[in-house]
Amino acid sequence: MALRCGIVGLPNVGKSTIFNALTASSVPAENYPFCTIDPHMGIVELPDPRLKKLAAIFKPEKVTPASVEFIDIAGLVRGASKGEGLGNQFLGQIRQVAAIVHVVRCFEDNNVTHVEGDVDPLRDAELIETELLLADIETLEKRQFKSEKAARSGDKKAKKENDFITRLLKHCNNGRRARTIETNDDEANILRTLHLLTSKPILYVANVDETEITHNRRGDMEQQLVDFAEKEGNLAIRLCGKLEQEIAVLPENEKPFFLEEYNLPEPGLHKLIHTGFRLLELETFFTGGPEEVRAWTIKKGTSAPEAAGEIHTDFQRGFIKAEVIRYDDLIRLGSEKAVKEAGLAKLQGKEYIVEDGDCIYFRFNV
């Protein structure tokens, strides 16, 4: 399962700068609106120090980390839901992602123009959310028209769908996001088929200046954004896009010295990726052997057969057992053999729920 995140925000807030830092690319980042028109995509490895330790044990030919796909979507503007600034095209691109990374400018700079005339993180965050909500309302009105027609035929399933869509449309018309509505299992399934923009989780990124990073202080603008994210049930982090891009282009052996100089435990982009994982309730399991050590991404609560299916559908179809070794046991004892001799390798069946860090060998027969 690939984590696919769309980077959005108003023009000139630092989206492309952060995308460049994440993907080590050179997407233009200019001081004018709509510098980005076509979406840029990049695959980024999930930083996971556990892979290096597993590689030291298995000594594989290849190490394959989990990955995150980022899409740099052009700046949205007021009126995007009505087509302003090519809004319909950009909103369509957001529908394709699992999570939204919303970059909000939280610094003053007279040399960088702001499409709204001044810097106001709370207004900017609400503006984008409002445009997403208006687009969802239009989607729901069209779907309601179809569901009403189907419900009149007497179909019970269609009646349930129409009742839920009517309730959801009222919910959104009252200014509330689709992700905040309470649903039962059937309604949750209907909600997923709608691909609504406001049903997607959002990670807010406060793009701050270097001073706040180097002095480890939180400014008023950043605090406003954090409070807004918490109220919406989302997460917020801060980073300095300009600083992150400087770090990204450094040779690997020079990065630790740069981070130490700025009192940073790790690049802010690592925090962005890991927070995105947490927002989507994802976790990692590992497979290991002499050919490859690999990290796999799954949803929390995934069963052993479903996890096997991430590797290959045949693994899930012919699942027999999963031999599970906990990462901590493997690192502590130093080898698969030692873990097995200690009686800590467990054979698990179809009901087993995979946990983060599990090292698994799947037994299957097709």
Protein backbone atom coordinates (compact mmCIF):
# COMPACT_ATOMS: atom_id res chain seq x y z
CA MET A 1 0.00 0.00 0.00
CA ALA A 2 1.59 3.25 -1.11
CA LEU A 3 0.93 6.40 0.88
CA ARG A 4 -0.12 9.05 -1.63
CA CYS A 5 -0.19 12.63 -0.39
CA GLY A 6 -1.17 15.75 -2.27
CA ILE A 7 0.62 18.97 -1.33
CA VAL A 8 -1.84 21.87 -1.51
CA GLY A 9 -2.14 25.47 -0.39
CA LEU A 10 -2.50 29.00 -1.70
CA PRO A 11 0.02 30.19 -4.31
CA ASN A 12 3.44 31.27 -3.00
CA VAL A 13 3.26 29.53 0.39
CA GLY A 14 6.22 27.20 -0.20
CA LYS A 15 4.57 24.06 -1.64
CA SER A 16 7.06 23.54 -4.45
CA THR A 17 10.01 24.36 -2.20
CA ILE A 18 8.92 21.65 0.24
CA PHE A 19 8.21 19.23 -2.63
CA ASN A 20 11.70 19.87 -4.02
CA ALA A 21 13.24 19.15 -0.63
CA LEU A 22 11.22 15.95 -0.20
CA THR A 23 11.96 14.55 -3.62
CA ALA A 24 15.36 16.16 -4.31
CA SER A 25 13.88 17.52 -7.54
CA SER A 26 14.04 20.92 -9.16
CA VAL A 27 10.42 21.92 -9.67
CA PRO A 28 10.28 25.70 -10.26
CA ALA A 29 9.41 27.69 -7.13
CA GLU A 30 8.79 31.21 -8.35
CA ASN A 31 7.35 34.32 -6.73
CA TYR A 32 4.11 34.42 -8.70
CA PRO A 33 0.79 32.51 -8.63
CA PHE A 34 0.32 29.30 -10.65
CA CYS A 35 4.00 28.65 -11.20
CA THR A 36 2.93 24.99 -10.84
CA ILE A 37 0.16 23.99 -13.25
CA ASP A 38 0.72 20.35 -14.13
CA PRO A 39 1.06 18.20 -10.99
CA HIS A 40 4.58 16.99 -10.22
CA MET A 41 5.01 13.57 -8.64
CA GLY A 42 7.85 12.11 -6.65
CA ILE A 43 8.49 8.87 -4.74
CA VAL A 44 10.19 9.31 -1.37
CA GLU A 45 11.62 6.56 0.82
CA LEU A 46 10.14 6.29 4.31
CA PRO A 47 12.97 6.97 6.78
CA ASP A 48 13.19 3.87 9.00
CA PRO A 49 16.40 3.11 10.95
CA ARG A 50 15.09 -0.41 11.66
CA LEU A 51 15.90 -1.44 8.08
CA LYS A 52 19.62 -0.86 8.58
CA LYS A 53 19.63 -3.03 11.70
CA LEU A 54 17.71 -5.80 9.95
CA ALA A 55 20.13 -5.64 7.02
CA ALA A 56 23.03 -6.17 9.45
CA ILE A 57 21.37 -9.43 10.56
CA PHE A 58 20.15 -10.83 7.22
CA LYS A 59 22.98 -9.42 5.07
CA PRO A 60 20.70 -9.23 2.00
CA GLU A 61 21.62 -8.35 -1.57
CA LYS A 62 19.03 -5.58 -1.53
CA VAL A 63 17.20 -3.40 1.00
CA THR A 64 13.83 -1.93 -0.03
CA PRO A 65 12.19 0.67 2.21
CA ALA A 66 8.51 1.58 2.21
CA SER A 67 7.75 4.60 0.05
CA VAL A 68 5.54 7.67 0.01
CA GLU A 69 4.29 9.33 -3.17
CA PHE A 70 3.95 13.10 -3.09
CA ILE A 71 2.07 15.18 -5.65
CA ASP A 72 2.74 18.91 -5.90
CA ILE A 73 -0.66 20.38 -6.81
CA ALA A 74 -0.95 23.93 -8.09
CA GLY A 75 -2.03 26.68 -5.73
CA LEU A 76 -5.74 26.88 -5.00
CA VAL A 77 -7.36 30.31 -4.80
CA ARG A 78 -10.61 31.80 -3.59
CA GLY A 79 -13.33 30.59 -5.97
CA ALA A 80 -11.48 27.37 -6.92
CA SER A 81 -14.69 25.35 -6.47
CA LYS A 82 -16.26 27.50 -9.19
CA GLY A 83 -13.30 27.10 -11.54
CA GLU A 84 -11.22 30.14 -10.54
CA GLY A 85 -7.50 29.67 -11.21
CA LEU A 86 -8.10 26.35 -13.00
CA GLY A 87 -9.65 25.22 -9.72
CA ASN A 88 -11.71 22.34 -11.11
CA GLN A 89 -8.59 20.75 -12.61
CA PHE A 90 -6.66 21.07 -9.34
CA LEU A 91 -9.54 19.83 -7.17
CA GLY A 92 -9.75 16.77 -9.42
CA GLN A 93 -6.09 16.05 -8.68
CA ILE A 94 -6.76 16.18 -4.93
CA ARG A 95 -9.44 13.47 -5.28
CA GLN A 96 -6.71 11.01 -6.27
CA VAL A 97 -4.76 11.21 -2.99
CA ALA A 98 -5.26 9.48 0.37
CA ALA A 99 -4.17 12.44 2.48
CA ILE A 100 -3.73 16.17 2.02
CA VAL A 101 -0.57 18.01 3.09
CA HIS A 102 -1.73 21.62 3.42
CA VAL A 103 1.19 24.06 3.45
CA VAL A 104 0.36 27.35 5.16
CA ARG A 105 2.70 30.33 5.18
CA CYS A 106 3.55 31.46 8.72
CA PHE A 107 6.27 34.01 8.05
CA GLU A 108 6.50 37.61 6.88
CA ASP A 109 8.64 38.47 3.84
CA ASN A 110 8.06 41.62 1.80
CA ASN A 111 9.92 40.03 -1.12
CA VAL A 112 7.40 37.17 -1.41
CA THR A 113 3.93 38.23 -2.53
CA HIS A 114 0.78 36.81 -0.96
CA VAL A 115 -2.25 36.20 -3.18
CA GLU A 116 -4.60 37.55 -0.45
CA GLY A 117 -2.49 40.66 0.18
CA ASP A 118 -1.20 39.79 3.65
CA VAL A 119 -0.16 36.78 5.76
CA ASP A 120 -2.97 35.29 7.86
CA PRO A 121 -2.58 31.51 8.47
CA LEU A 122 -6.04 31.00 9.98
CA ARG A 123 -7.80 32.77 7.10
CA ASP A 124 -5.68 30.88 4.55
CA ALA A 125 -6.40 27.48 6.12
CA GLU A 126 -10.13 28.18 6.31
CA LEU A 127 -10.16 29.49 2.75
CA ILE A 128 -8.83 26.22 1.32
CA GLU A 129 -11.11 24.14 3.55
CA THR A 130 -14.10 26.20 2.38
CA GLU A 131 -13.25 25.64 -1.29
CA LEU A 132 -12.96 21.88 -0.68
CA LEU A 133 -16.29 21.93 1.15
CA LEU A 134 -18.06 23.86 -1.63
CA ALA A 135 -16.77 21.36 -4.18
CA ASP A 136 -18.11 18.50 -2.02
CA ILE A 137 -21.53 20.13 -1.73
CA GLU A 138 -21.73 20.30 -5.53
CA THR A 139 -20.75 16.62 -5.75
CA LEU A 140 -23.38 15.65 -3.16
CA GLU A 141 -26.14 17.63 -4.88
CA LYS A 142 -25.49 15.72 -8.11
CA ARG A 143 -25.35 12.37 -6.28
CA GLN A 144 -28.54 13.17 -4.35
CA PHE A 145 -30.42 13.80 -7.60
CA LYS A 146 -29.45 10.32 -8.83
CA SER A 147 -30.09 8.57 -5.51
CA GLU A 148 -33.57 10.12 -5.17
CA LYS A 149 -34.52 8.73 -8.55
CA ALA A 150 -33.26 5.25 -7.59
CA ALA A 151 -34.98 5.39 -4.20
CA ARG A 152 -38.36 6.10 -5.81
CA SER A 153 -38.17 2.68 -7.48
CA GLY A 154 -38.62 1.09 -4.05
CA ASP A 155 -35.12 -0.35 -3.82
CA LYS A 156 -34.28 -0.54 -0.08
CA LYS A 157 -30.53 -0.17 -0.62
CA ALA A 158 -31.08 2.92 -2.76
CA LYS A 159 -33.39 4.34 -0.07
CA LYS A 160 -30.69 3.93 2.60
CA GLU A 161 -28.12 5.56 0.34
CA ASN A 162 -30.40 8.49 -0.42
CA ASP A 163 -31.20 8.98 3.29
CA PHE A 164 -27.49 9.09 4.13
CA ILE A 165 -26.57 11.42 1.26
CA THR A 166 -29.40 13.77 2.26
CA ARG A 167 -28.12 13.79 5.84
CA LEU A 168 -24.53 14.29 4.68
CA LEU A 169 -25.52 17.16 2.38
CA LYS A 170 -27.25 18.92 5.27
CA HIS A 171 -24.17 18.30 7.42
CA CYS A 172 -21.88 19.90 4.81
CA ASN A 173 -24.27 22.78 4.12
CA ASN A 174 -23.97 23.63 7.81
CA GLY A 175 -20.24 24.20 7.25
CA ARG A 176 -19.04 20.87 8.63
CA ARG A 177 -16.56 18.60 6.86
CA ALA A 178 -17.55 15.16 5.59
CA ARG A 179 -14.94 13.50 7.81
CA THR A 180 -16.75 14.72 10.94
CA ILE A 181 -20.09 12.99 10.29
CA GLU A 182 -20.92 9.91 12.36
CA THR A 183 -21.59 6.79 10.27
CA ASN A 184 -22.44 3.13 10.67
CA ASP A 185 -20.59 0.52 8.59
CA ASP A 186 -22.93 0.77 5.59
CA GLU A 187 -22.80 4.56 5.60
CA ALA A 188 -19.02 4.53 5.90
CA ASN A 189 -18.87 2.39 2.75
CA ILE A 190 -21.10 4.85 0.90
CA LEU A 191 -18.92 7.75 2.09
CA ARG A 192 -15.81 6.06 0.70
CA THR A 193 -17.40 5.71 -2.75
CA LEU A 194 -18.10 9.45 -2.88
CA HIS A 195 -14.37 10.40 -2.80
CA LEU A 196 -15.19 13.67 -1.07
CA LEU A 197 -12.38 16.16 -0.57
CA THR A 198 -13.32 16.97 3.04
CA SER A 199 -13.38 13.29 3.99
CA LYS A 200 -9.59 13.14 3.54
CA PRO A 201 -7.33 13.65 6.57
CA ILE A 202 -5.18 16.78 6.47
CA LEU A 203 -1.67 17.36 7.74
CA TYR A 204 -1.09 21.09 8.15
CA VAL A 205 2.48 22.24 7.60
CA ALA A 206 3.33 25.61 9.12
CA ASN A 207 6.06 26.97 6.84
CA VAL A 208 8.01 29.18 9.25
CA ASP A 209 11.19 31.22 8.95
CA GLU A 210 14.65 30.07 10.05
CA THR A 211 14.53 32.10 13.27
CA GLU A 212 11.69 30.06 14.75
CA ILE A 213 13.51 26.83 13.92
CA THR A 214 16.93 27.86 15.23
CA HIS A 215 15.50 29.36 18.44
CA ASN A 216 12.97 26.53 18.86
CA ARG A 217 10.09 28.88 19.54
CA ARG A 218 6.50 28.88 18.35
CA GLY A 219 5.22 32.12 16.87
CA ASP A 220 1.65 33.41 17.10
CA MET A 221 0.89 32.54 13.48
CA GLU A 222 2.06 28.97 13.92
CA GLN A 223 0.03 28.60 17.14
CA GLN A 224 -3.13 29.75 15.33
CA LEU A 225 -2.62 27.02 12.74
CA VAL A 226 -1.96 24.32 15.38
CA ASP A 227 -5.15 25.29 17.24
CA PHE A 228 -7.15 25.23 13.99
CA ALA A 229 -5.83 21.77 13.06
CA GLU A 230 -6.69 20.35 16.50
CA LYS A 231 -10.21 21.77 16.31
CA GLU A 232 -10.66 20.09 12.92
CA GLY A 233 -9.35 16.75 14.22
CA ASN A 234 -6.22 16.97 12.08
CA LEU A 235 -2.49 17.22 12.79
CA ALA A 236 -0.02 20.08 12.35
CA ILE A 237 3.77 20.26 12.23
CA ARG A 238 6.19 23.05 11.47
CA LEU A 239 9.22 23.26 9.25
CA CYS A 240 11.14 25.83 7.28
CA GLY A 241 10.86 24.98 3.59
CA LYS A 242 13.89 27.05 2.65
CA LEU A 243 16.04 25.36 5.30
CA GLU A 244 14.79 21.88 4.37
CA GLN A 245 15.72 22.45 0.74
CA GLU A 246 19.23 23.46 1.79
CA ILE A 247 19.54 20.25 3.84
CA ALA A 248 18.16 18.08 1.03
CA VAL A 249 20.87 19.01 -1.48
CA LEU A 250 23.76 18.39 0.92
CA PRO A 251 25.88 15.21 0.60
CA GLU A 252 24.74 12.60 3.14
CA ASN A 253 27.96 12.87 5.19
CA GLU A 254 27.47 16.64 5.63
CA LYS A 255 23.82 16.58 6.73
CA PRO A 256 24.49 15.64 10.39
CA PHE A 257 26.76 18.68 10.84
CA PHE A 258 24.17 21.00 9.31
CA LEU A 259 21.42 19.58 11.53
CA GLU A 260 23.62 19.96 14.61
CA GLU A 261 24.33 23.57 13.71
CA TYR A 262 20.59 24.30 13.67
CA ASN A 263 19.85 22.15 16.74
CA LEU A 264 17.67 19.79 14.69
CA PRO A 265 17.40 16.11 15.74
CA GLU A 266 16.43 15.15 12.17
CA PRO A 267 15.25 16.82 8.95
CA GLY A 268 11.75 18.24 9.34
CA LEU A 269 10.75 16.27 6.26
CA HIS A 270 11.20 13.01 8.20
CA LYS A 271 8.66 14.32 10.69
CA LEU A 272 6.33 15.20 7.82
CA ILE A 273 6.45 11.67 6.38
CA HIS A 274 6.08 9.92 9.74
CA THR A 275 3.21 12.20 10.77
CA GLY A 276 1.49 11.40 7.46
CA PHE A 277 1.76 7.71 8.34
CA ARG A 278 0.23 8.38 11.75
CA LEU A 279 -2.56 10.47 10.25
CA LEU A 280 -3.55 7.62 7.94
CA GLU A 281 -3.18 5.01 10.69
CA LEU A 282 -0.53 3.10 8.76
CA GLU A 283 2.22 0.83 10.04
CA THR A 284 5.09 -1.27 8.72
CA PHE A 285 5.96 -4.95 8.74
CA PHE A 286 9.14 -6.53 7.39
CA THR A 287 10.20 -9.52 5.35
CA GLY A 288 13.82 -10.62 5.40
CA GLY A 289 16.18 -13.09 3.80
CA PRO A 290 19.50 -13.30 1.94
CA GLU A 291 18.00 -11.79 -1.21
CA GLU A 292 16.11 -8.84 0.24
CA VAL A 293 15.03 -7.08 3.40
CA ARG A 294 11.88 -5.12 2.69
CA ALA A 295 9.42 -2.87 4.51
CA TRP A 296 5.71 -3.14 3.68
CA THR A 297 3.01 -0.59 4.48
CA ILE A 298 -0.39 -1.68 5.83
CA LYS A 299 -3.34 -0.17 7.68
CA LYS A 300 -3.46 -0.72 11.43
CA GLY A 301 -5.75 -3.64 12.15
CA THR A 302 -4.69 -5.58 9.02
CA SER A 303 -4.94 -9.37 9.32
CA ALA A 304 -2.08 -11.71 8.43
CA PRO A 305 -3.72 -12.89 5.15
CA GLU A 306 -4.38 -9.27 4.11
CA ALA A 307 -0.77 -8.37 4.86
CA ALA A 308 0.34 -11.34 2.77
CA GLY A 309 -1.79 -9.95 -0.06
CA GLU A 310 0.32 -6.77 -0.05
CA ILE A 311 3.23 -8.94 -1.22
CA HIS A 312 1.26 -10.98 -3.77
CA THR A 313 -2.38 -11.93 -4.20
CA ASP A 314 -1.34 -15.61 -4.31
CA PHE A 315 0.05 -15.26 -0.78
CA GLN A 316 -3.37 -14.17 0.47
CA ARG A 317 -5.35 -16.66 -1.60
CA GLY A 318 -3.29 -19.63 -0.45
CA PHE A 319 -2.47 -18.39 3.07
CA ILE A 320 -1.71 -21.16 5.58
CA LYS A 321 0.26 -19.60 8.44
CA ALA A 322 2.45 -16.62 9.24
CA GLU A 323 5.66 -17.16 11.17
CA VAL A 324 6.05 -13.95 13.18
CA ILE A 325 9.14 -12.66 14.92
CA ARG A 326 8.98 -9.36 16.78
CA TYR A 327 11.55 -6.81 15.66
CA ASP A 328 12.77 -6.14 19.22
CA ASP A 329 13.36 -9.85 19.85
CA LEU A 330 15.31 -10.23 16.61
CA ILE A 331 17.56 -7.25 17.35
CA ARG A 332 18.08 -8.29 20.97
CA LEU A 333 18.98 -11.91 20.16
CA GLY A 334 20.78 -11.20 16.89
CA SER A 335 19.45 -13.92 14.58
CA GLU A 336 16.35 -15.83 13.49
CA LYS A 337 17.91 -19.02 14.87
CA ALA A 338 18.39 -17.51 18.32
CA VAL A 339 14.80 -16.21 18.37
CA LYS A 340 13.44 -19.64 17.44
CA GLU A 341 15.61 -21.39 20.04
CA ALA A 342 14.22 -19.01 22.65
CA GLY A 343 10.70 -20.01 21.63
CA LEU A 344 9.81 -16.48 20.54
CA ALA A 345 8.95 -17.20 16.88
CA LYS A 346 5.19 -17.68 16.74
CA LEU A 347 3.04 -19.38 14.10
CA GLN A 348 -0.06 -17.26 13.58
CA GLY A 349 -3.28 -18.06 11.72
CA LYS A 350 -5.82 -16.10 9.70
CA GLU A 351 -7.14 -14.18 12.70
CA TYR A 352 -3.78 -12.68 13.66
CA ILE A 353 -3.60 -8.88 13.45
CA VAL A 354 -0.20 -7.73 12.25
CA GLU A 355 1.65 -5.29 14.53
CA ASP A 356 4.10 -2.56 13.59
CA GLY A 357 7.61 -3.99 13.32
CA ASP A 358 6.60 -7.63 12.88
CA CYS A 359 9.09 -9.64 10.82
CA ILE A 360 7.02 -12.21 8.94
CA TYR A 361 7.58 -15.30 6.83
CA PHE A 362 4.36 -16.35 5.11
CA ARG A 363 3.51 -19.98 4.43
CA PHE A 364 1.06 -20.46 1.58
CA ASN A 365 -0.07 -23.01 -0.97
CA VAL A 366 -1.77 -22.19 -4.28
